[in-house]
């Protein structure tokens, strides 16, 4: 098989977008190149999410921008599929990324949460991601984390000083991930 031919359409086999379902999405920079957390770039990435929610195309529950990927927990609206929402966001951010020498990986990862899946754990995972990656210390705040729907989660009420995670949470999230095969 010719390795130069991309078969990304195979990645879409079985992808099914459901209105009002909850999705955990990861979007990576091409070749996992670093730089998304650059303040100018990250601000524009956040603004693009705000524009998507402003149109009603999706409800964002929470999100974080990491150096080479973005995590978002969202609920598609009625107008666009999940793929169209992510495509719209990528289109709105492509020019900004290119100015920084970056681009998006062609596809994205998504996991649709089942009704019995604990949304809380996914939100906590997204929140803890920069702490687990040691981008910030436990007494610092990651500037590119955003909680768009505070009433959707309990863990923010349990943060130390209302802003910082507990050290033991870092190990608990790993236990949760492995126990569920995620």
C-alpha atoms as a PDB file:
ATOM      1  CA  UNK A   1       0.000   0.000   0.000  1.00  0.00           C
ATOM      2  CA  UNK A   2       1.253   3.476  -0.863  1.00  0.00           C
ATOM      3  CA  UNK A   3       1.890   5.287   2.435  1.00  0.00           C
ATOM      4  CA  UNK A   4       1.510   8.660   0.715  1.00  0.00           C
ATOM      5  CA  UNK A   5      -2.220   8.064   0.202  1.00  0.00           C
ATOM      6  CA  UNK A   6      -4.284   9.158   3.163  1.00  0.00           C
ATOM      7  CA  UNK A   7      -7.201   7.011   4.173  1.00  0.00           C
ATOM      8  CA  UNK A   8      -8.727   9.307   6.768  1.00  0.00           C
ATOM      9  CA  UNK A   9     -12.200   8.543   5.454  1.00  0.00           C
ATOM     10  CA  UNK A  10     -11.793   5.189   7.233  1.00  0.00           C
ATOM     11  CA  UNK A  11     -11.575   7.104  10.511  1.00  0.00           C
ATOM     12  CA  UNK A  12     -15.108   8.375   9.938  1.00  0.00           C
ATOM     13  CA  UNK A  13     -16.605   4.905   9.573  1.00  0.00           C
ATOM     14  CA  UNK A  14     -19.056   4.523  12.402  1.00  0.00           C
ATOM     15  CA  UNK A  15     -18.857   8.194  13.433  1.00  0.00           C
ATOM     16  CA  UNK A  16     -22.339   9.149  14.393  1.00  0.00           C
ATOM     17  CA  UNK A  17     -23.268  12.575  15.642  1.00  0.00           C
ATOM     18  CA  UNK A  18     -26.269  12.894  17.911  1.00  0.00           C
ATOM     19  CA  UNK A  19     -27.984  16.121  18.821  1.00  0.00           C
ATOM     20  CA  UNK A  20     -27.883  16.775  22.571  1.00  0.00           C
ATOM     21  CA  UNK A  21     -25.399  13.943  23.216  1.00  0.00           C
ATOM     22  CA  UNK A  22     -22.269  14.749  25.235  1.00  0.00           C
ATOM     23  CA  UNK A  23     -18.916  14.423  23.496  1.00  0.00           C
ATOM     24  CA  UNK A  24     -15.385  14.441  24.828  1.00  0.00           C
ATOM     25  CA  UNK A  25     -13.236  15.748  21.949  1.00  0.00           C
ATOM     26  CA  UNK A  26      -9.470  16.029  21.494  1.00  0.00           C
ATOM     27  CA  UNK A  27      -8.089  18.112  18.631  1.00  0.00           C
ATOM     28  CA  UNK A  28      -4.322  17.964  18.027  1.00  0.00           C
ATOM     29  CA  UNK A  29      -1.903  20.221  16.236  1.00  0.00           C
ATOM     30  CA  UNK A  30      -0.317  18.653  13.175  1.00  0.00           C
ATOM     31  CA  UNK A  31       2.679  16.523  14.134  1.00  0.00           C
ATOM     32  CA  UNK A  32       1.877  17.445  17.759  1.00  0.00           C
ATOM     33  CA  UNK A  33       3.802  20.666  17.243  1.00  0.00           C
ATOM     34  CA  UNK A  34       3.874  22.854  20.375  1.00  0.00           C
ATOM     35  CA  UNK A  35       2.637  26.410  20.686  1.00  0.00           C
ATOM     36  CA  UNK A  36      -1.146  26.403  21.147  1.00  0.00           C
ATOM     37  CA  UNK A  37      -0.749  27.836  24.661  1.00  0.00           C
ATOM     38  CA  UNK A  38       0.858  31.019  23.295  1.00  0.00           C
ATOM     39  CA  UNK A  39      -1.335  33.714  24.912  1.00  0.00           C
ATOM     40  CA  UNK A  40      -2.242  35.461  21.655  1.00  0.00           C
ATOM     41  CA  UNK A  41      -3.081  32.195  19.930  1.00  0.00           C
ATOM     42  CA  UNK A  42      -4.873  30.614  22.893  1.00  0.00           C
ATOM     43  CA  UNK A  43      -7.041  33.717  23.301  1.00  0.00           C
ATOM     44  CA  UNK A  44      -8.123  33.437  19.669  1.00  0.00           C
ATOM     45  CA  UNK A  45      -8.818  29.726  20.055  1.00  0.00           C
ATOM     46  CA  UNK A  46     -11.027  30.458  23.090  1.00  0.00           C
ATOM     47  CA  UNK A  47     -12.806  33.228  21.174  1.00  0.00           C
ATOM     48  CA  UNK A  48     -13.576  30.830  18.314  1.00  0.00           C
ATOM     49  CA  UNK A  49     -15.244  28.441  20.803  1.00  0.00           C
ATOM     50  CA  UNK A  50     -17.253  31.365  22.160  1.00  0.00           C
ATOM     51  CA  UNK A  51     -18.433  32.161  18.621  1.00  0.00           C
ATOM     52  CA  UNK A  52     -19.533  28.547  18.099  1.00  0.00           C
ATOM     53  CA  UNK A  53     -21.586  28.615  21.304  1.00  0.00           C
ATOM     54  CA  UNK A  54     -22.940  32.043  20.408  1.00  0.00           C
ATOM     55  CA  UNK A  55     -24.513  30.624  17.243  1.00  0.00           C
ATOM     56  CA  UNK A  56     -26.161  27.819  19.221  1.00  0.00           C
ATOM     57  CA  UNK A  57     -24.306  25.194  17.197  1.00  0.00           C
ATOM     58  CA  UNK A  58     -22.926  23.657  20.387  1.00  0.00           C
ATOM     59  CA  UNK A  59     -23.040  24.021  24.117  1.00  0.00           C
ATOM     60  CA  UNK A  60     -19.541  23.869  25.597  1.00  0.00           C
ATOM     61  CA  UNK A  61     -19.398  22.417  29.111  1.00  0.00           C
ATOM     62  CA  UNK A  62     -15.652  22.869  29.645  1.00  0.00           C
ATOM     63  CA  UNK A  63     -12.402  23.094  27.683  1.00  0.00           C
ATOM     64  CA  UNK A  64      -8.669  23.463  27.989  1.00  0.00           C
ATOM     65  CA  UNK A  65      -5.907  24.367  25.585  1.00  0.00           C
ATOM     66  CA  UNK A  66      -2.690  22.399  25.977  1.00  0.00           C
ATOM     67  CA  UNK A  67       0.592  23.084  24.140  1.00  0.00           C
ATOM     68  CA  UNK A  68      -0.221  20.628  21.326  1.00  0.00           C
ATOM     69  CA  UNK A  69      -3.887  19.719  21.711  1.00  0.00           C
ATOM     70  CA  UNK A  70      -7.268  20.953  22.871  1.00  0.00           C
ATOM     71  CA  UNK A  71      -9.811  19.069  24.990  1.00  0.00           C
ATOM     72  CA  UNK A  72     -13.443  20.068  24.974  1.00  0.00           C
ATOM     73  CA  UNK A  73     -16.603  18.558  26.425  1.00  0.00           C
ATOM     74  CA  UNK A  74     -19.534  19.682  24.319  1.00  0.00           C
ATOM     75  CA  UNK A  75     -23.107  19.033  23.299  1.00  0.00           C
ATOM     76  CA  UNK A  76     -23.985  19.566  19.616  1.00  0.00           C
ATOM     77  CA  UNK A  77     -27.025  21.655  18.832  1.00  0.00           C
ATOM     78  CA  UNK A  78     -29.624  20.781  16.206  1.00  0.00           C
ATOM     79  CA  UNK A  79     -28.090  22.479  13.162  1.00  0.00           C
ATOM     80  CA  UNK A  80     -24.608  20.945  12.746  1.00  0.00           C
ATOM     81  CA  UNK A  81     -23.085  17.517  13.249  1.00  0.00           C
ATOM     82  CA  UNK A  82     -20.110  17.091  15.561  1.00  0.00           C
ATOM     83  CA  UNK A  83     -17.762  16.912  12.567  1.00  0.00           C
ATOM     84  CA  UNK A  84     -19.217  20.131  11.166  1.00  0.00           C
ATOM     85  CA  UNK A  85     -18.819  21.881  14.521  1.00  0.00           C
ATOM     86  CA  UNK A  86     -15.158  20.872  14.787  1.00  0.00           C
ATOM     87  CA  UNK A  87     -14.643  21.758  11.109  1.00  0.00           C
ATOM     88  CA  UNK A  88     -16.179  25.184  11.673  1.00  0.00           C
ATOM     89  CA  UNK A  89     -13.930  25.789  14.695  1.00  0.00           C
ATOM     90  CA  UNK A  90     -10.826  24.646  12.823  1.00  0.00           C
ATOM     91  CA  UNK A  91     -11.720  26.869   9.854  1.00  0.00           C
ATOM     92  CA  UNK A  92     -12.101  29.866  12.178  1.00  0.00           C
ATOM     93  CA  UNK A  93      -8.686  29.183  13.716  1.00  0.00           C
ATOM     94  CA  UNK A  94      -6.620  28.000  10.718  1.00  0.00           C
ATOM     95  CA  UNK A  95      -5.328  31.446   9.758  1.00  0.00           C
ATOM     96  CA  UNK A  96      -4.299  32.234  13.318  1.00  0.00           C
ATOM     97  CA  UNK A  97      -2.483  28.905  13.610  1.00  0.00           C
ATOM     98  CA  UNK A  98      -0.702  29.431  10.284  1.00  0.00           C
ATOM     99  CA  UNK A  99       0.610  32.802  11.519  1.00  0.00           C
ATOM    100  CA  UNK A 100       2.265  30.872  14.361  1.00  0.00           C
ATOM    101  CA  UNK A 101       3.650  28.172  12.055  1.00  0.00           C
ATOM    102  CA  UNK A 102       1.055  25.641  13.199  1.00  0.00           C
ATOM    103  CA  UNK A 103      -1.834  23.750  11.656  1.00  0.00           C
ATOM    104  CA  UNK A 104      -4.407  21.241  12.805  1.00  0.00           C
ATOM    105  CA  UNK A 105      -4.121  17.489  12.475  1.00  0.00           C
ATOM    106  CA  UNK A 106      -6.529  16.399   9.753  1.00  0.00           C
ATOM    107  CA  UNK A 107      -8.970  14.591  12.026  1.00  0.00           C
ATOM    108  CA  UNK A 108      -9.939  14.608  15.706  1.00  0.00           C
ATOM    109  CA  UNK A 109     -10.759  12.105  18.434  1.00  0.00           C
ATOM    110  CA  UNK A 110     -14.198  11.974  19.952  1.00  0.00           C
ATOM    111  CA  UNK A 111     -15.944   9.850  22.486  1.00  0.00           C
ATOM    112  CA  UNK A 112     -19.688  10.076  22.901  1.00  0.00           C
ATOM    113  CA  UNK A 113     -20.611   9.751  26.539  1.00  0.00           C
ATOM    114  CA  UNK A 114     -23.280   7.188  27.251  1.00  0.00           C
ATOM    115  CA  UNK A 115     -26.121   8.256  29.506  1.00  0.00           C
ATOM    116  CA  UNK A 116     -24.506   6.331  32.385  1.00  0.00           C
ATOM    117  CA  UNK A 117     -21.046   7.896  31.849  1.00  0.00           C
ATOM    118  CA  UNK A 118     -20.119  10.342  34.580  1.00  0.00           C
ATOM    119  CA  UNK A 119     -19.754  13.751  33.005  1.00  0.00           C
ATOM    120  CA  UNK A 120     -18.019  14.857  36.181  1.00  0.00           C
ATOM    121  CA  UNK A 121     -15.044  12.576  35.536  1.00  0.00           C
ATOM    122  CA  UNK A 122     -14.559  13.882  31.996  1.00  0.00           C
ATOM    123  CA  UNK A 123     -14.696  17.495  33.176  1.00  0.00           C
ATOM    124  CA  UNK A 124     -12.208  16.726  35.937  1.00  0.00           C
ATOM    125  CA  UNK A 125      -9.898  14.990  33.451  1.00  0.00           C
ATOM    126  CA  UNK A 126      -9.947  18.080  31.217  1.00  0.00           C
ATOM    127  CA  UNK A 127      -9.302  20.350  34.202  1.00  0.00           C
ATOM    128  CA  UNK A 128      -6.431  18.234  35.519  1.00  0.00           C
ATOM    129  CA  UNK A 129      -4.714  17.748  32.158  1.00  0.00           C
ATOM    130  CA  UNK A 130      -2.239  20.668  32.523  1.00  0.00           C
ATOM    131  CA  UNK A 131      -1.474  19.627  36.116  1.00  0.00           C
ATOM    132  CA  UNK A 132      -0.845  16.014  35.110  1.00  0.00           C
ATOM    133  CA  UNK A 133       1.446  17.272  32.316  1.00  0.00           C
ATOM    134  CA  UNK A 134       3.289  19.379  34.926  1.00  0.00           C
ATOM    135  CA  UNK A 135       2.676  22.581  32.977  1.00  0.00           C
ATOM    136  CA  UNK A 136       1.595  24.247  36.217  1.00  0.00           C
ATOM    137  CA  UNK A 137       2.037  23.485  39.882  1.00  0.00           C
ATOM    138  CA  UNK A 138      -0.831  22.587  42.201  1.00  0.00           C
ATOM    139  CA  UNK A 139      -0.863  26.142  43.599  1.00  0.00           C
ATOM    140  CA  UNK A 140      -1.102  27.726  40.155  1.00  0.00           C
ATOM    141  CA  UNK A 141      -3.935  28.104  37.684  1.00  0.00           C
ATOM    142  CA  UNK A 142      -3.774  27.072  34.040  1.00  0.00           C
ATOM    143  CA  UNK A 143      -4.924  30.157  32.117  1.00  0.00           C
ATOM    144  CA  UNK A 144      -6.430  28.205  29.202  1.00  0.00           C
ATOM    145  CA  UNK A 145      -8.941  26.151  31.190  1.00  0.00           C
ATOM    146  CA  UNK A 146     -12.504  27.358  30.913  1.00  0.00           C
ATOM    147  CA  UNK A 147     -15.594  26.125  32.683  1.00  0.00           C
ATOM    148  CA  UNK A 148     -18.485  27.223  30.491  1.00  0.00           C
ATOM    149  CA  UNK A 149     -21.228  25.437  32.395  1.00  0.00           C
ATOM    150  CA  UNK A 150     -20.415  25.553  36.136  1.00  0.00           C
ATOM    151  CA  UNK A 151     -23.722  23.977  37.176  1.00  0.00           C
ATOM    152  CA  UNK A 152     -22.763  20.853  35.207  1.00  0.00           C
ATOM    153  CA  UNK A 153     -19.960  19.884  37.608  1.00  0.00           C
ATOM    154  CA  UNK A 154     -19.398  19.440  41.346  1.00  0.00           C
ATOM    155  CA  UNK A 155     -15.587  19.303  41.444  1.00  0.00           C
ATOM    156  CA  UNK A 156     -15.089  23.114  41.142  1.00  0.00           C
ATOM    157  CA  UNK A 157     -16.790  23.515  44.531  1.00  0.00           C
ATOM    158  CA  UNK A 158     -14.190  21.157  46.035  1.00  0.00           C
ATOM    159  CA  UNK A 159     -11.075  22.939  44.738  1.00  0.00           C
ATOM    160  CA  UNK A 160      -8.568  24.150  47.310  1.00  0.00           C
ATOM    161  CA  UNK A 161      -9.033  27.897  47.742  1.00  0.00           C
ATOM    162  CA  UNK A 162     -11.739  27.640  45.094  1.00  0.00           C
ATOM    163  CA  UNK A 163      -9.048  27.435  42.374  1.00  0.00           C
ATOM    164  CA  UNK A 164      -6.520  24.649  42.910  1.00  0.00           C
ATOM    165  CA  UNK A 165      -6.768  20.842  42.673  1.00  0.00           C
ATOM    166  CA  UNK A 166      -5.931  18.478  45.481  1.00  0.00           C
ATOM    167  CA  UNK A 167      -2.741  16.452  44.922  1.00  0.00           C
ATOM    168  CA  UNK A 168      -4.558  13.143  45.409  1.00  0.00           C
ATOM    169  CA  UNK A 169      -6.879  13.960  42.498  1.00  0.00           C
ATOM    170  CA  UNK A 170      -4.031  13.408  40.048  1.00  0.00           C
ATOM    171  CA  UNK A 171      -3.779   9.736  41.000  1.00  0.00           C
ATOM    172  CA  UNK A 172      -7.522   9.228  41.235  1.00  0.00           C
ATOM    173  CA  UNK A 173      -8.153  10.333  37.664  1.00  0.00           C
ATOM    174  CA  UNK A 174      -5.634   7.760  36.424  1.00  0.00           C
ATOM    175  CA  UNK A 175      -7.395   5.052  38.437  1.00  0.00           C
ATOM    176  CA  UNK A 176     -10.746   6.114  36.956  1.00  0.00           C
ATOM    177  CA  UNK A 177      -9.377   6.041  33.391  1.00  0.00           C
ATOM    178  CA  UNK A 178      -7.854   2.572  33.745  1.00  0.00           C
ATOM    179  CA  UNK A 179     -10.891   1.116  35.512  1.00  0.00           C
ATOM    180  CA  UNK A 180     -13.082   2.128  32.571  1.00  0.00           C
ATOM    181  CA  UNK A 181     -10.627   1.148  29.853  1.00  0.00           C
ATOM    182  CA  UNK A 182     -10.333   4.707  28.609  1.00  0.00           C
END
